[in-house]
Amino acid sequence: MRESVRKVGLIGAGLWAMTEEKINELVKDLVEKGDISKEEGKKAVQELIEESKRQTTDLEKKVSEKIQDAVSKKEIFTKKDMNELESRMKELEEEIRRIRNKEKMFFK
């Protein structure tokens, strides 16, 4: 029983990294040992899978936030910066064309 409790504790601690197959395997082992009933096992599998998905989503969100935070603290030229620069360059090129066309008309 102590080993089963330890396994369940380990499952909770690192659930985000577990596959559905591994969760089923661990719960099946608990059912076979008689530590939990078949119905408890089915419920546990569902709960553990849902928790695994939640933890994975939370982890992905935290990693993304950390990356965004690190990028925002550094002077990194981002794709957004590049797009803004390209847009500004196109505006300036168009303005230069307009000025040149006016000069051509004026100095004819």
C-alpha atoms as a PDB file:
ATOM      1  CA  MET A   1       0.000   0.000   0.000  1.00  0.00           C
ATOM      2  CA  ARG A   2       2.829   2.402   0.862  1.00  0.00           C
ATOM      3  CA  GLU A   3       4.320   1.857  -2.605  1.00  0.00           C
ATOM      4  CA  SER A   4       0.933   2.584  -4.177  1.00  0.00           C
ATOM      5  CA  VAL A   5       0.614   5.836  -2.253  1.00  0.00           C
ATOM      6  CA  ARG A   6       4.141   6.780  -3.328  1.00  0.00           C
ATOM      7  CA  LYS A   7       3.262   6.086  -6.965  1.00  0.00           C
ATOM      8  CA  VAL A   8       0.113   8.204  -6.757  1.00  0.00           C
ATOM      9  CA  GLY A   9       2.171  11.009  -5.210  1.00  0.00           C
ATOM     10  CA  LEU A  10       4.719  10.769  -8.004  1.00  0.00           C
ATOM     11  CA  ILE A  11       1.928  10.758 -10.559  1.00  0.00           C
ATOM     12  CA  GLY A  12       0.586  14.025  -9.164  1.00  0.00           C
ATOM     13  CA  ALA A  13       3.996  15.665  -9.008  1.00  0.00           C
ATOM     14  CA  GLY A  14       4.966  15.035 -12.603  1.00  0.00           C
ATOM     15  CA  LEU A  15       1.633  14.423 -14.221  1.00  0.00           C
ATOM     16  CA  TRP A  16       2.248  16.905 -17.013  1.00  0.00           C
ATOM     17  CA  ALA A  17       4.950  14.616 -18.398  1.00  0.00           C
ATOM     18  CA  MET A  18       2.888  11.426 -18.360  1.00  0.00           C
ATOM     19  CA  THR A  19       1.179   9.950 -21.352  1.00  0.00           C
ATOM     20  CA  GLU A  20      -2.333   8.580 -21.206  1.00  0.00           C
ATOM     21  CA  GLU A  21      -0.879   5.120 -21.779  1.00  0.00           C
ATOM     22  CA  LYS A  22       1.415   5.425 -18.749  1.00  0.00           C
ATOM     23  CA  ILE A  23      -1.447   6.697 -16.572  1.00  0.00           C
ATOM     24  CA  ASN A  24      -3.585   3.706 -17.602  1.00  0.00           C
ATOM     25  CA  GLU A  25      -0.684   1.368 -16.874  1.00  0.00           C
ATOM     26  CA  LEU A  26      -0.083   2.756 -13.373  1.00  0.00           C
ATOM     27  CA  VAL A  27      -3.767   2.714 -12.426  1.00  0.00           C
ATOM     28  CA  LYS A  28      -4.165  -0.803 -13.824  1.00  0.00           C
ATOM     29  CA  ASP A  29      -1.274  -1.867 -11.594  1.00  0.00           C
ATOM     30  CA  LEU A  30      -3.043  -0.376  -8.557  1.00  0.00           C
ATOM     31  CA  VAL A  31      -6.288  -2.181  -9.465  1.00  0.00           C
ATOM     32  CA  GLU A  32      -4.493  -5.496  -9.981  1.00  0.00           C
ATOM     33  CA  LYS A  33      -2.804  -5.185  -6.582  1.00  0.00           C
ATOM     34  CA  GLY A  34      -6.200  -4.539  -5.009  1.00  0.00           C
ATOM     35  CA  ASP A  35      -5.217  -1.095  -3.747  1.00  0.00           C
ATOM     36  CA  ILE A  36      -8.190   0.447  -5.540  1.00  0.00           C
ATOM     37  CA  SER A  37     -11.372  -0.922  -7.118  1.00  0.00           C
ATOM     38  CA  LYS A  38     -11.980  -1.081 -10.854  1.00  0.00           C
ATOM     39  CA  GLU A  39     -14.487   1.778 -10.618  1.00  0.00           C
ATOM     40  CA  GLU A  40     -12.031   3.870  -8.599  1.00  0.00           C
ATOM     41  CA  GLY A  41      -9.428   3.057 -11.249  1.00  0.00           C
ATOM     42  CA  LYS A  42     -11.649   4.296 -14.085  1.00  0.00           C
ATOM     43  CA  LYS A  43     -12.384   7.482 -12.182  1.00  0.00           C
ATOM     44  CA  ALA A  44      -8.703   7.921 -11.308  1.00  0.00           C
ATOM     45  CA  VAL A  45      -7.635   7.506 -14.941  1.00  0.00           C
ATOM     46  CA  GLN A  46     -10.116  10.150 -16.088  1.00  0.00           C
ATOM     47  CA  GLU A  47      -9.106  12.566 -13.331  1.00  0.00           C
ATOM     48  CA  LEU A  48      -5.399  12.013 -13.925  1.00  0.00           C
ATOM     49  CA  ILE A  49      -5.733  12.523 -17.671  1.00  0.00           C
ATOM     50  CA  GLU A  50      -7.667  15.754 -17.120  1.00  0.00           C
ATOM     51  CA  GLU A  51      -5.077  16.919 -14.591  1.00  0.00           C
ATOM     52  CA  SER A  52      -2.274  15.992 -16.973  1.00  0.00           C
ATOM     53  CA  LYS A  53      -3.838  18.109 -19.713  1.00  0.00           C
ATOM     54  CA  ARG A  54      -4.331  20.996 -17.283  1.00  0.00           C
ATOM     55  CA  GLN A  55      -0.747  20.806 -16.064  1.00  0.00           C
ATOM     56  CA  THR A  56       0.563  20.621 -19.631  1.00  0.00           C
ATOM     57  CA  THR A  57      -1.445  23.699 -20.605  1.00  0.00           C
ATOM     58  CA  ASP A  58      -0.261  25.541 -17.491  1.00  0.00           C
ATOM     59  CA  LEU A  59       3.355  24.601 -18.172  1.00  0.00           C
ATOM     60  CA  GLU A  60       3.132  25.720 -21.803  1.00  0.00           C
ATOM     61  CA  LYS A  61       1.609  29.027 -20.689  1.00  0.00           C
ATOM     62  CA  LYS A  62       4.328  29.611 -18.087  1.00  0.00           C
ATOM     63  CA  VAL A  63       7.113  28.777 -20.536  1.00  0.00           C
ATOM     64  CA  SER A  64       5.603  31.103 -23.131  1.00  0.00           C
ATOM     65  CA  GLU A  65       5.288  33.902 -20.561  1.00  0.00           C
ATOM     66  CA  LYS A  66       8.905  33.429 -19.473  1.00  0.00           C
ATOM     67  CA  ILE A  67      10.118  33.537 -23.067  1.00  0.00           C
ATOM     68  CA  GLN A  68       8.083  36.673 -23.791  1.00  0.00           C
ATOM     69  CA  ASP A  69       9.391  38.265 -20.601  1.00  0.00           C
ATOM     70  CA  ALA A  70      12.999  37.441 -21.510  1.00  0.00           C
ATOM     71  CA  VAL A  71      12.565  38.749 -25.048  1.00  0.00           C
ATOM     72  CA  SER A  72      10.954  41.971 -23.865  1.00  0.00           C
ATOM     73  CA  LYS A  73      13.864  42.636 -21.484  1.00  0.00           C
ATOM     74  CA  LYS A  74      16.450  42.238 -24.222  1.00  0.00           C
ATOM     75  CA  GLU A  75      16.989  44.452 -27.198  1.00  0.00           C
ATOM     76  CA  ILE A  76      16.029  41.835 -29.718  1.00  0.00           C
ATOM     77  CA  PHE A  77      14.829  42.678 -33.198  1.00  0.00           C
ATOM     78  CA  THR A  78      11.561  40.753 -33.496  1.00  0.00           C
ATOM     79  CA  LYS A  79       9.478  39.802 -36.509  1.00  0.00           C
ATOM     80  CA  LYS A  80       6.987  42.478 -35.457  1.00  0.00           C
ATOM     81  CA  ASP A  81       9.806  45.031 -35.464  1.00  0.00           C
ATOM     82  CA  MET A  82      10.835  43.849 -38.933  1.00  0.00           C
ATOM     83  CA  ASN A  83       7.297  44.168 -40.267  1.00  0.00           C
ATOM     84  CA  GLU A  84       6.972  47.674 -38.832  1.00  0.00           C
ATOM     85  CA  LEU A  85      10.313  48.674 -40.355  1.00  0.00           C
ATOM     86  CA  GLU A  86       9.353  47.260 -43.761  1.00  0.00           C
ATOM     87  CA  SER A  87       6.077  49.154 -43.644  1.00  0.00           C
ATOM     88  CA  ARG A  88       7.840  52.389 -42.771  1.00  0.00           C
ATOM     89  CA  MET A  89      10.387  51.845 -45.558  1.00  0.00           C
ATOM     90  CA  LYS A  90       7.582  51.386 -48.086  1.00  0.00           C
ATOM     91  CA  GLU A  91       5.991  54.643 -46.915  1.00  0.00           C
ATOM     92  CA  LEU A  92       9.290  56.473 -47.265  1.00  0.00           C
ATOM     93  CA  GLU A  93       9.951  54.998 -50.716  1.00  0.00           C
ATOM     94  CA  GLU A  94       6.527  56.163 -51.842  1.00  0.00           C
ATOM     95  CA  GLU A  95       7.192  59.635 -50.453  1.00  0.00           C
ATOM     96  CA  ILE A  96      10.513  59.769 -52.348  1.00  0.00           C
ATOM     97  CA  ARG A  97       8.707  58.797 -55.582  1.00  0.00           C
ATOM     98  CA  ARG A  98       6.152  61.564 -55.060  1.00  0.00           C
ATOM     99  CA  ILE A  99       8.881  64.131 -54.445  1.00  0.00           C
ATOM    100  CA  ARG A 100      10.817  63.017 -57.539  1.00  0.00           C
ATOM    101  CA  ASN A 101       7.676  63.203 -59.668  1.00  0.00           C
ATOM    102  CA  LYS A 102       7.016  66.738 -58.428  1.00  0.00           C
ATOM    103  CA  GLU A 103      10.603  67.705 -59.206  1.00  0.00           C
ATOM    104  CA  LYS A 104      10.292  66.324 -62.723  1.00  0.00           C
ATOM    105  CA  MET A 105       7.142  68.337 -63.292  1.00  0.00           C
ATOM    106  CA  PHE A 106       8.644  71.485 -61.807  1.00  0.00           C
ATOM    107  CA  PHE A 107      11.997  71.332 -63.645  1.00  0.00           C
ATOM    108  CA  LYS A 108      10.706  70.407 -67.124  1.00  0.00           C
END
